[in-house]
N, C-alpha and C. Protein backbone atom coordinates (compact mmCIF):
# COMPACT_ATOMS: atom_id res chain seq x y z
N UNK A 1 -21.87 -6.12 75.80
CA UNK A 1 -22.82 -5.57 74.52
C UNK A 1 -22.96 -3.93 74.52
N UNK A 2 -23.31 -3.42 75.83
CA UNK A 2 -23.51 -2.07 75.67
C UNK A 2 -22.04 -1.28 75.41
N UNK A 3 -21.01 -1.99 75.84
CA UNK A 3 -19.51 -1.23 75.73
C UNK A 3 -19.39 -1.10 73.84
N UNK A 4 -19.63 -2.08 73.33
CA UNK A 4 -19.67 -2.22 72.25
C UNK A 4 -20.36 -1.26 71.32
N UNK A 5 -21.94 -1.42 71.61
CA UNK A 5 -22.66 -0.15 71.21
C UNK A 5 -22.13 1.32 71.40
N UNK A 6 -21.39 1.66 72.61
CA UNK A 6 -20.83 2.90 72.57
C UNK A 6 -19.65 3.35 71.81
N UNK A 7 -19.08 1.96 71.71
CA UNK A 7 -17.78 2.27 71.02
C UNK A 7 -17.99 2.33 69.66
N UNK A 8 -19.12 1.76 69.07
CA UNK A 8 -19.44 1.77 67.76
C UNK A 8 -20.11 3.31 67.51
N UNK A 9 -20.98 3.79 68.37
CA UNK A 9 -21.30 4.91 68.45
C UNK A 9 -20.33 5.91 68.34
N UNK A 10 -19.30 5.94 68.83
CA UNK A 10 -18.06 6.81 69.07
C UNK A 10 -17.36 6.99 67.73
N UNK A 11 -17.53 5.70 67.19
CA UNK A 11 -16.65 5.71 66.03
C UNK A 11 -17.56 6.28 64.85
N UNK A 12 -18.93 5.87 64.86
CA UNK A 12 -19.77 6.73 63.60
C UNK A 12 -19.86 8.02 63.59
N UNK A 13 -19.82 8.81 65.04
CA UNK A 13 -20.25 10.36 65.29
C UNK A 13 -18.69 10.43 64.87
N UNK A 14 -17.73 10.00 65.29
CA UNK A 14 -16.51 10.66 64.77
C UNK A 14 -16.47 10.49 63.05
N UNK A 15 -16.51 9.74 62.57
CA UNK A 15 -16.96 9.69 61.05
C UNK A 15 -17.60 10.77 60.59
N UNK A 16 -18.85 10.93 61.16
CA UNK A 16 -19.79 12.00 60.66
C UNK A 16 -19.08 13.29 60.91
N UNK A 17 -18.42 13.34 61.71
CA UNK A 17 -17.79 14.48 62.15
C UNK A 17 -16.86 15.17 61.16
N UNK A 18 -16.01 14.11 60.93
CA UNK A 18 -14.83 14.22 59.78
C UNK A 18 -15.51 14.74 58.34
N UNK A 19 -16.44 13.83 58.10
CA UNK A 19 -17.36 14.12 56.86
C UNK A 19 -17.82 15.56 56.76
N UNK A 20 -18.57 15.70 57.98
CA UNK A 20 -19.50 17.34 58.06
C UNK A 20 -18.33 18.24 57.86
N UNK A 21 -17.04 18.21 58.27
CA UNK A 21 -15.76 19.10 58.52
C UNK A 21 -15.72 19.32 57.19
N UNK A 22 -15.55 18.11 56.52
CA UNK A 22 -15.31 18.21 54.66
C UNK A 22 -16.17 19.21 53.94
N UNK A 23 -17.31 18.64 54.31
CA UNK A 23 -18.50 19.24 53.60
C UNK A 23 -18.69 21.08 54.16
N UNK A 24 -18.50 21.29 55.17
CA UNK A 24 -18.18 22.70 55.79
C UNK A 24 -17.19 23.48 54.84
N UNK A 25 -15.91 22.54 54.89
CA UNK A 25 -14.70 23.24 54.02
C UNK A 25 -15.18 23.53 52.62
N UNK A 26 -16.00 22.59 52.09
CA UNK A 26 -16.40 22.59 50.68
C UNK A 26 -17.43 23.71 50.29
N UNK A 27 -18.37 23.89 51.16
CA UNK A 27 -19.26 24.93 51.34
C UNK A 27 -18.62 26.10 51.16
N UNK A 28 -17.77 26.38 52.16
CA UNK A 28 -16.97 27.61 52.23
C UNK A 28 -16.29 27.75 50.92
N UNK A 29 -15.47 27.30 50.47
CA UNK A 29 -15.03 26.99 49.06
C UNK A 29 -16.01 27.30 47.74
N UNK A 30 -16.89 26.81 48.09
CA UNK A 30 -18.09 26.74 47.08
C UNK A 30 -18.56 28.42 47.23
N UNK A 31 -18.50 28.93 48.05
CA UNK A 31 -19.10 30.46 47.98
C UNK A 31 -17.68 31.19 47.53
N UNK A 32 -16.61 31.10 47.68
CA UNK A 32 -15.55 31.73 46.76
C UNK A 32 -15.74 31.23 45.11
N UNK A 33 -16.28 30.06 44.71
CA UNK A 33 -16.53 29.79 43.56
C UNK A 33 -17.57 30.34 42.85
N UNK A 34 -18.72 30.54 43.67
CA UNK A 34 -19.85 31.19 43.15
C UNK A 34 -19.87 32.54 42.85
N UNK A 35 -18.91 33.12 43.79
CA UNK A 35 -18.47 34.60 43.55
C UNK A 35 -17.27 34.84 42.35
N UNK A 36 -16.57 34.09 42.15
CA UNK A 36 -15.49 33.96 40.97
C UNK A 36 -16.41 33.72 39.58
N UNK A 37 -17.37 32.87 39.93
CA UNK A 37 -18.04 32.29 38.65
C UNK A 37 -17.12 31.22 38.05
N UNK A 38 -16.55 30.31 38.63
CA UNK A 38 -15.45 29.41 37.94
C UNK A 38 -16.55 28.16 38.10
N UNK A 39 -17.20 27.92 36.65
CA UNK A 39 -18.26 27.10 36.81
C UNK A 39 -17.68 25.54 36.80
N UNK A 40 -16.38 25.23 36.22
CA UNK A 40 -15.62 23.98 35.78
C UNK A 40 -15.51 23.57 37.25
N UNK A 41 -14.72 24.14 37.93
CA UNK A 41 -14.41 23.76 39.41
C UNK A 41 -15.79 23.86 40.39
N UNK A 42 -16.69 24.66 40.16
CA UNK A 42 -17.81 24.63 40.93
C UNK A 42 -18.52 23.13 40.22
N UNK A 43 -18.52 22.45 39.03
CA UNK A 43 -18.95 21.43 39.16
C UNK A 43 -18.22 20.39 39.74
N UNK A 44 -17.27 20.43 40.02
CA UNK A 44 -16.09 19.31 40.28
C UNK A 44 -16.63 19.43 41.58
N UNK A 45 -16.85 20.55 42.64
CA UNK A 45 -17.15 20.74 43.60
C UNK A 45 -18.49 19.82 44.32
N UNK A 46 -19.55 20.00 42.97
CA UNK A 46 -20.49 19.54 43.47
C UNK A 46 -20.25 17.88 43.29
N UNK A 47 -19.62 17.54 42.35
CA UNK A 47 -19.44 15.84 42.47
C UNK A 47 -18.67 15.26 43.67
N UNK A 48 -17.80 16.33 44.19
CA UNK A 48 -17.13 15.70 45.84
C UNK A 48 -18.49 15.72 46.59
N UNK A 49 -19.18 16.80 46.53
CA UNK A 49 -20.16 16.82 47.61
C UNK A 49 -20.94 15.75 47.69
N UNK A 50 -21.68 15.42 46.25
CA UNK A 50 -22.17 14.23 46.21
C UNK A 50 -21.49 12.85 47.20
N UNK A 51 -20.40 12.89 46.97
CA UNK A 51 -19.44 11.60 47.57
C UNK A 51 -19.68 11.84 48.87
N UNK A 52 -19.23 12.97 49.62
CA UNK A 52 -19.56 13.01 50.84
C UNK A 52 -20.80 12.76 51.44
N UNK A 53 -21.70 13.55 50.70
CA UNK A 53 -23.34 13.13 51.25
C UNK A 53 -23.68 11.64 51.28
N UNK A 54 -23.42 10.94 50.04
CA UNK A 54 -23.29 9.53 50.30
C UNK A 54 -22.81 8.86 51.30
N UNK A 55 -21.69 9.13 51.50
CA UNK A 55 -20.97 8.56 52.70
C UNK A 55 -21.68 9.18 54.10
N UNK A 56 -21.92 10.19 54.34
CA UNK A 56 -22.81 10.59 55.38
C UNK A 56 -24.07 9.76 55.57
N UNK A 57 -24.90 9.63 54.60
CA UNK A 57 -25.88 8.96 54.37
C UNK A 57 -25.78 7.46 55.05
N UNK A 58 -24.82 6.81 54.45
CA UNK A 58 -24.45 5.39 55.06
C UNK A 58 -24.22 5.45 56.46
N UNK A 59 -23.46 6.57 57.27
CA UNK A 59 -23.13 6.70 58.48
C UNK A 59 -24.39 6.72 59.04
N UNK A 60 -25.38 7.56 58.76
CA UNK A 60 -26.44 8.10 59.39
C UNK A 60 -27.53 6.60 59.51
N UNK A 61 -27.46 5.96 58.58
CA UNK A 61 -28.23 4.33 58.81
C UNK A 61 -27.68 3.70 59.68
N UNK A 62 -26.22 3.61 59.77
CA UNK A 62 -25.42 2.74 60.56
C UNK A 62 -25.94 3.39 62.02
N UNK A 63 -25.66 4.57 62.14
CA UNK A 63 -26.02 5.43 63.40
C UNK A 63 -27.51 4.80 64.19
N UNK A 64 -28.39 4.91 63.21
CA UNK A 64 -29.71 4.80 63.35
C UNK A 64 -29.73 3.35 63.56
N UNK A 65 -29.27 2.47 63.27
CA UNK A 65 -29.46 1.17 63.48
C UNK A 65 -28.58 0.69 65.00
N UNK A 66 -27.67 1.47 65.05
CA UNK A 66 -26.85 1.18 66.61
C UNK A 66 -27.91 1.90 67.68
N UNK A 67 -28.43 3.08 67.27
CA UNK A 67 -28.93 3.92 68.11
C UNK A 67 -30.36 3.13 68.69
N UNK A 68 -31.05 2.29 67.66
CA UNK A 68 -31.92 1.36 67.64
C UNK A 68 -31.98 0.26 68.51
N UNK A 69 -30.85 -0.31 68.68
CA UNK A 69 -30.19 -1.31 69.28
C UNK A 69 -30.20 -0.97 70.65
N UNK A 70 -29.64 0.26 70.82
CA UNK A 70 -29.11 0.83 72.32
C UNK A 70 -30.31 1.17 73.05
N UNK A 71 -31.71 1.63 72.15
CA UNK A 71 -32.81 2.08 72.92
C UNK A 71 -33.19 0.80 73.21
N UNK A 72 -33.57 -0.25 72.54
CA UNK A 72 -33.85 -1.57 72.95
C UNK A 72 -33.22 -2.24 74.27
N UNK A 73 -32.07 -1.75 74.35
CA UNK A 73 -31.24 -2.28 75.37
C UNK A 73 -31.61 -1.57 76.61
N UNK A 74 -31.81 -0.29 76.49
CA UNK A 74 -32.12 0.70 77.75
C UNK A 74 -33.51 0.75 78.10
N UNK A 75 -34.76 -0.09 77.11
CA UNK A 75 -36.07 0.01 77.40
C UNK A 75 -36.46 1.47 77.03
N UNK A 76 -36.13 2.05 76.01
CA UNK A 76 -36.52 3.32 75.59
C UNK A 76 -37.29 3.09 74.26
N UNK A 77 -38.27 3.85 73.95
CA UNK A 77 -39.16 3.68 73.02
C UNK A 77 -38.56 4.52 71.97
N UNK A 78 -38.56 3.95 70.63
CA UNK A 78 -37.90 4.73 69.71
C UNK A 78 -38.48 6.15 69.43
N UNK A 79 -39.47 6.32 69.36
CA UNK A 79 -40.16 7.65 69.39
C UNK A 79 -40.04 8.65 70.43
N UNK A 80 -39.23 8.27 71.25
CA UNK A 80 -38.55 9.28 72.40
C UNK A 80 -37.28 9.48 72.17
N UNK A 81 -36.56 8.72 71.26
CA UNK A 81 -34.98 8.89 71.21
C UNK A 81 -34.43 10.22 70.42
N UNK A 82 -33.62 10.66 71.17
CA UNK A 82 -32.50 11.53 70.40
C UNK A 82 -31.21 11.01 71.09
N UNK A 83 -30.21 11.32 70.40
CA UNK A 83 -28.63 10.79 70.99
C UNK A 83 -28.54 11.20 72.25
N UNK A 84 -28.70 12.73 72.47
CA UNK A 84 -28.52 13.31 74.08
C UNK A 84 -29.67 12.57 74.90
N UNK A 85 -30.84 11.84 74.66
CA UNK A 85 -31.27 11.19 75.95
C UNK A 85 -30.92 9.90 75.87
N UNK A 86 -30.20 9.41 75.16
CA UNK A 86 -29.53 8.04 75.10
C UNK A 86 -28.29 8.15 75.80
N UNK A 87 -27.55 9.22 75.52
CA UNK A 87 -26.39 9.76 76.69
C UNK A 87 -26.66 9.38 77.73
N UNK A 88 -27.83 10.25 78.03
CA UNK A 88 -28.12 10.51 79.56
C UNK A 88 -28.56 9.32 80.27
N UNK A 89 -29.42 8.28 79.62
CA UNK A 89 -29.68 6.88 80.28
C UNK A 89 -28.41 5.88 80.06
N UNK A 90 -27.20 6.24 79.29
CA UNK A 90 -25.99 5.59 79.37
C UNK A 90 -25.16 5.67 81.05
N UNK A 91 -24.95 4.45 81.39
CA UNK A 91 -24.39 3.95 82.57
C UNK A 91 -22.93 3.47 82.13
N UNK A 92 -22.18 4.47 81.40
CA UNK A 92 -20.84 3.79 80.75
C UNK A 92 -19.99 5.14 80.94
N UNK A 93 -18.34 5.00 81.07
CA UNK A 93 -17.41 5.57 81.14
C UNK A 93 -17.30 6.84 79.81
N UNK A 94 -17.66 6.28 78.63
CA UNK A 94 -17.68 6.92 77.60
C UNK A 94 -18.86 7.63 77.22
N UNK A 95 -19.85 7.85 78.08
CA UNK A 95 -21.05 8.62 77.81
C UNK A 95 -20.69 10.24 77.39
N UNK A 96 -19.65 10.54 78.47
CA UNK A 96 -19.33 11.94 78.41
C UNK A 96 -18.32 12.09 76.97
N UNK A 97 -17.68 11.63 76.71
CA UNK A 97 -16.96 11.65 75.36
C UNK A 97 -18.17 11.48 74.32
N UNK A 98 -19.07 10.75 74.37
CA UNK A 98 -20.22 10.68 73.19
C UNK A 98 -20.85 11.67 73.48
N UNK A 99 -20.87 12.39 74.36
CA UNK A 99 -21.78 13.64 74.61
C UNK A 99 -21.07 14.82 74.12
N UNK A 100 -19.72 15.03 74.29
CA UNK A 100 -18.98 16.00 73.61
C UNK A 100 -18.84 15.66 72.39
N UNK A 101 -18.89 14.54 71.39
CA UNK A 101 -18.66 14.44 70.19
C UNK A 101 -20.14 14.68 69.63
N UNK A 102 -21.20 14.36 70.32
CA UNK A 102 -22.57 14.94 69.64
C UNK A 102 -22.57 16.29 69.53
N UNK A 103 -22.12 16.86 70.51
CA UNK A 103 -22.31 18.55 70.49
C UNK A 103 -21.35 19.26 69.77
N UNK A 104 -20.20 18.36 69.60
CA UNK A 104 -19.28 19.00 68.07
C UNK A 104 -19.84 18.78 66.85
N UNK A 105 -20.79 17.64 66.56
CA UNK A 105 -21.45 17.41 65.43
C UNK A 105 -22.60 18.14 65.10
N UNK A 106 -23.06 18.69 66.02
CA UNK A 106 -24.18 19.50 66.32
C UNK A 106 -23.57 21.05 65.67
N UNK A 107 -22.70 21.47 66.31
CA UNK A 107 -22.33 22.86 66.13
C UNK A 107 -21.43 22.74 64.67
N UNK A 108 -20.93 21.28 64.10
CA UNK A 108 -20.39 22.16 62.57
C UNK A 108 -21.69 21.59 61.80
N UNK A 109 -22.67 21.09 61.91
CA UNK A 109 -23.90 20.82 61.15
C UNK A 109 -24.31 22.25 61.13
N UNK A 110 -24.59 23.01 62.19
CA UNK A 110 -24.93 24.35 62.37
C UNK A 110 -24.38 25.44 61.36
N UNK A 111 -22.85 25.26 61.50
CA UNK A 111 -21.95 26.01 60.73
C UNK A 111 -22.25 25.76 59.03
N UNK A 112 -22.46 24.45 58.78
CA UNK A 112 -22.67 23.81 57.45
C UNK A 112 -23.98 24.42 56.96
N UNK A 113 -25.07 24.47 57.95
CA UNK A 113 -26.38 25.05 57.34
C UNK A 113 -26.15 26.56 57.23
N UNK A 114 -25.55 27.49 57.95
CA UNK A 114 -25.39 28.45 57.96
C UNK A 114 -24.70 29.03 56.40
N UNK A 115 -23.36 28.18 56.23
CA UNK A 115 -22.75 28.30 54.99
C UNK A 115 -23.55 28.05 53.77
N UNK A 116 -24.27 26.92 53.76
CA UNK A 116 -25.12 26.45 52.51
C UNK A 116 -26.11 27.53 52.47
N UNK A 117 -26.81 28.18 53.46
CA UNK A 117 -27.97 29.05 53.44
C UNK A 117 -27.23 30.52 52.38
N UNK A 118 -25.98 30.73 52.94
CA UNK A 118 -25.48 32.08 52.16
C UNK A 118 -25.08 31.67 50.94
N UNK A 119 -24.84 30.75 50.39
CA UNK A 119 -24.50 30.17 48.93
C UNK A 119 -25.83 30.13 48.39
N UNK A 120 -26.76 29.52 49.00
CA UNK A 120 -28.25 29.52 48.16
C UNK A 120 -28.31 30.76 47.97
N UNK A 121 -28.33 31.90 48.76
CA UNK A 121 -28.84 33.37 48.59
C UNK A 121 -27.80 34.04 47.44
N UNK A 122 -26.57 33.57 47.41
CA UNK A 122 -25.79 33.97 46.30
C UNK A 122 -26.32 33.37 45.03
N UNK A 123 -26.69 32.06 44.88
CA UNK A 123 -27.29 31.49 43.80
C UNK A 123 -28.45 32.28 43.20
N UNK A 124 -29.27 32.63 44.46
CA UNK A 124 -30.71 33.21 44.04
C UNK A 124 -30.72 34.41 43.46
N UNK A 125 -29.43 35.25 43.96
CA UNK A 125 -29.14 36.55 43.44
C UNK A 125 -28.49 36.62 42.01
N UNK A 126 -28.02 35.50 41.72
CA UNK A 126 -27.42 35.53 40.43
C UNK A 126 -28.06 35.16 39.55
N UNK A 127 -29.10 34.34 39.82
CA UNK A 127 -30.09 34.10 38.94
C UNK A 127 -30.90 35.04 38.95
N UNK A 128 -31.72 35.60 39.59
CA UNK A 128 -32.36 37.04 39.48
C UNK A 128 -31.50 38.17 38.47
N UNK A 129 -30.34 38.22 38.86
CA UNK A 129 -29.55 38.99 37.98
C UNK A 129 -29.70 38.44 36.36
N UNK A 130 -29.22 37.13 36.33
CA UNK A 130 -29.58 36.49 34.72
C UNK A 130 -30.52 36.90 34.16
N UNK A 131 -31.59 36.76 35.00
CA UNK A 131 -32.97 36.80 34.49
C UNK A 131 -33.41 38.24 34.01
N UNK A 132 -33.09 39.02 34.81
CA UNK A 132 -33.10 40.55 34.52
C UNK A 132 -32.42 41.03 33.16
N UNK A 133 -31.04 40.47 32.92
CA UNK A 133 -30.31 40.56 31.94
C UNK A 133 -30.89 40.12 30.49
N UNK A 134 -31.64 38.75 30.62
CA UNK A 134 -32.11 38.50 29.65
C UNK A 134 -33.56 39.13 29.22
N UNK A 135 -34.28 39.28 30.26
CA UNK A 135 -35.63 40.06 30.33
C UNK A 135 -35.11 41.48 29.28
N UNK A 136 -34.02 42.23 29.76
CA UNK A 136 -33.60 43.15 28.90
C UNK A 136 -32.94 43.17 27.61
N UNK A 137 -32.31 42.09 27.50
CA UNK A 137 -32.04 41.88 26.09
C UNK A 137 -33.11 41.63 25.00
N UNK A 138 -34.20 40.61 25.92
CA UNK A 138 -35.17 40.20 24.89
C UNK A 138 -36.14 41.50 24.55
N UNK A 139 -36.00 42.61 25.23
CA UNK A 139 -37.09 43.71 24.85
C UNK A 139 -36.13 44.46 24.02
N UNK A 140 -34.73 44.43 23.99
CA UNK A 140 -34.05 45.43 23.31
C UNK A 140 -33.79 44.78 22.05
N UNK A 141 -34.10 43.63 21.51
CA UNK A 141 -33.72 43.05 20.42
C UNK A 141 -35.03 43.34 19.48
N UNK A 142 -34.82 43.42 18.30
CA UNK A 142 -36.06 43.63 17.07
C UNK A 142 -36.34 42.32 16.79
N UNK A 143 -37.83 42.22 16.54
CA UNK A 143 -38.24 41.10 15.88
C UNK A 143 -38.92 41.44 14.50
N UNK A 144 -39.63 40.26 13.93
CA UNK A 144 -40.14 40.64 13.04
C UNK A 144 -41.69 40.79 12.92
N UNK A 145 -42.32 41.63 11.94
CA UNK A 145 -43.50 42.08 11.96
C UNK A 145 -44.53 41.04 11.29
N UNK A 146 -45.81 40.99 11.55
CA UNK A 146 -46.38 39.71 10.39
C UNK A 146 -46.27 40.05 8.96
N UNK A 147 -45.89 41.25 8.65
CA UNK A 147 -45.79 41.56 7.14
C UNK A 147 -44.28 41.21 6.79
N UNK A 148 -43.44 40.77 7.96
CA UNK A 148 -42.02 40.17 7.27
C UNK A 148 -41.17 41.46 7.60
N UNK A 149 -41.81 42.85 7.96
CA UNK A 149 -40.65 43.57 7.91
C UNK A 149 -39.87 43.86 9.25
N UNK A 150 -38.59 44.25 9.68
CA UNK A 150 -38.25 44.17 11.05
C UNK A 150 -38.79 45.24 12.02
N UNK A 151 -39.01 44.88 13.18
CA UNK A 151 -39.69 45.88 13.96
C UNK A 151 -38.52 46.91 14.54
N UNK A 152 -38.75 48.12 14.79
CA UNK A 152 -37.90 48.79 15.05
C UNK A 152 -37.53 48.60 16.80
N UNK A 153 -36.34 48.60 16.99
CA UNK A 153 -35.79 48.78 18.45
C UNK A 153 -36.19 49.58 19.21
N UNK A 154 -36.95 49.48 20.45
CA UNK A 154 -37.38 50.47 20.92
C UNK A 154 -36.18 51.17 22.01
N UNK A 155 -36.30 52.30 22.34
CA UNK A 155 -35.38 52.94 23.03
C UNK A 155 -35.46 52.79 24.24
N UNK A 156 -34.48 51.95 25.08
CA UNK A 156 -34.49 51.22 26.13
C UNK A 156 -33.19 52.10 26.85
N UNK A 157 -33.39 52.83 28.05
CA UNK A 157 -32.61 53.46 28.74
C UNK A 157 -32.36 52.70 30.12
N UNK A 158 -31.33 51.92 30.15
CA UNK A 158 -31.42 51.07 31.57
C UNK A 158 -30.88 51.93 32.30
N UNK A 159 -31.61 51.56 33.57
CA UNK A 159 -31.41 52.69 34.87
C UNK A 159 -30.75 51.62 35.88
N UNK A 160 -29.63 52.41 36.37
CA UNK A 160 -28.91 51.34 37.47
C UNK A 160 -29.25 52.16 38.85
N UNK A 161 -29.16 51.35 39.62
CA UNK A 161 -29.15 51.74 40.95
C UNK A 161 -27.98 52.90 41.65
N UNK A 162 -28.45 53.91 42.28
CA UNK A 162 -27.24 54.54 42.78
C UNK A 162 -26.10 53.86 43.80
N UNK A 163 -26.81 52.45 44.18
CA UNK A 163 -25.99 52.11 45.15
C UNK A 163 -25.04 51.21 44.74
N UNK A 164 -25.24 51.07 43.24
CA UNK A 164 -24.62 49.87 42.76
C UNK A 164 -23.10 50.42 42.59
């Protein structure tokens, strides 16, 4: 029973590692796409990411069910559960391999989080830039007065940072 649980956990964690590696590669590629502004390829990248996330979600549900079973078999309370605590309690030859795989997964997720945060900052800067351009254009365009006559265009001198 426990040998089957460990083997299944190893399989699932291995698949999670594969999916997270693909997501990390996709996130790094997304950085390039955000910089280049290739919207069509970026949209396709989002679609692929959704597929990976759906697969990862299914794997996580499987892993949670297996870990719940392992906790019950080892007399652990589900509230005390972490994969590392489970590994510590395992008296199985594959426990070391499971520990190694769990650490690798943790490392890949950490990298994925870092790249995703960088991409979020790029997106936020892009949005702020677009909002600034829109504000500048809306102030620079003329509108109609209540009398029906055109309002004059204010003379706006854009200022640019010396660092730009």
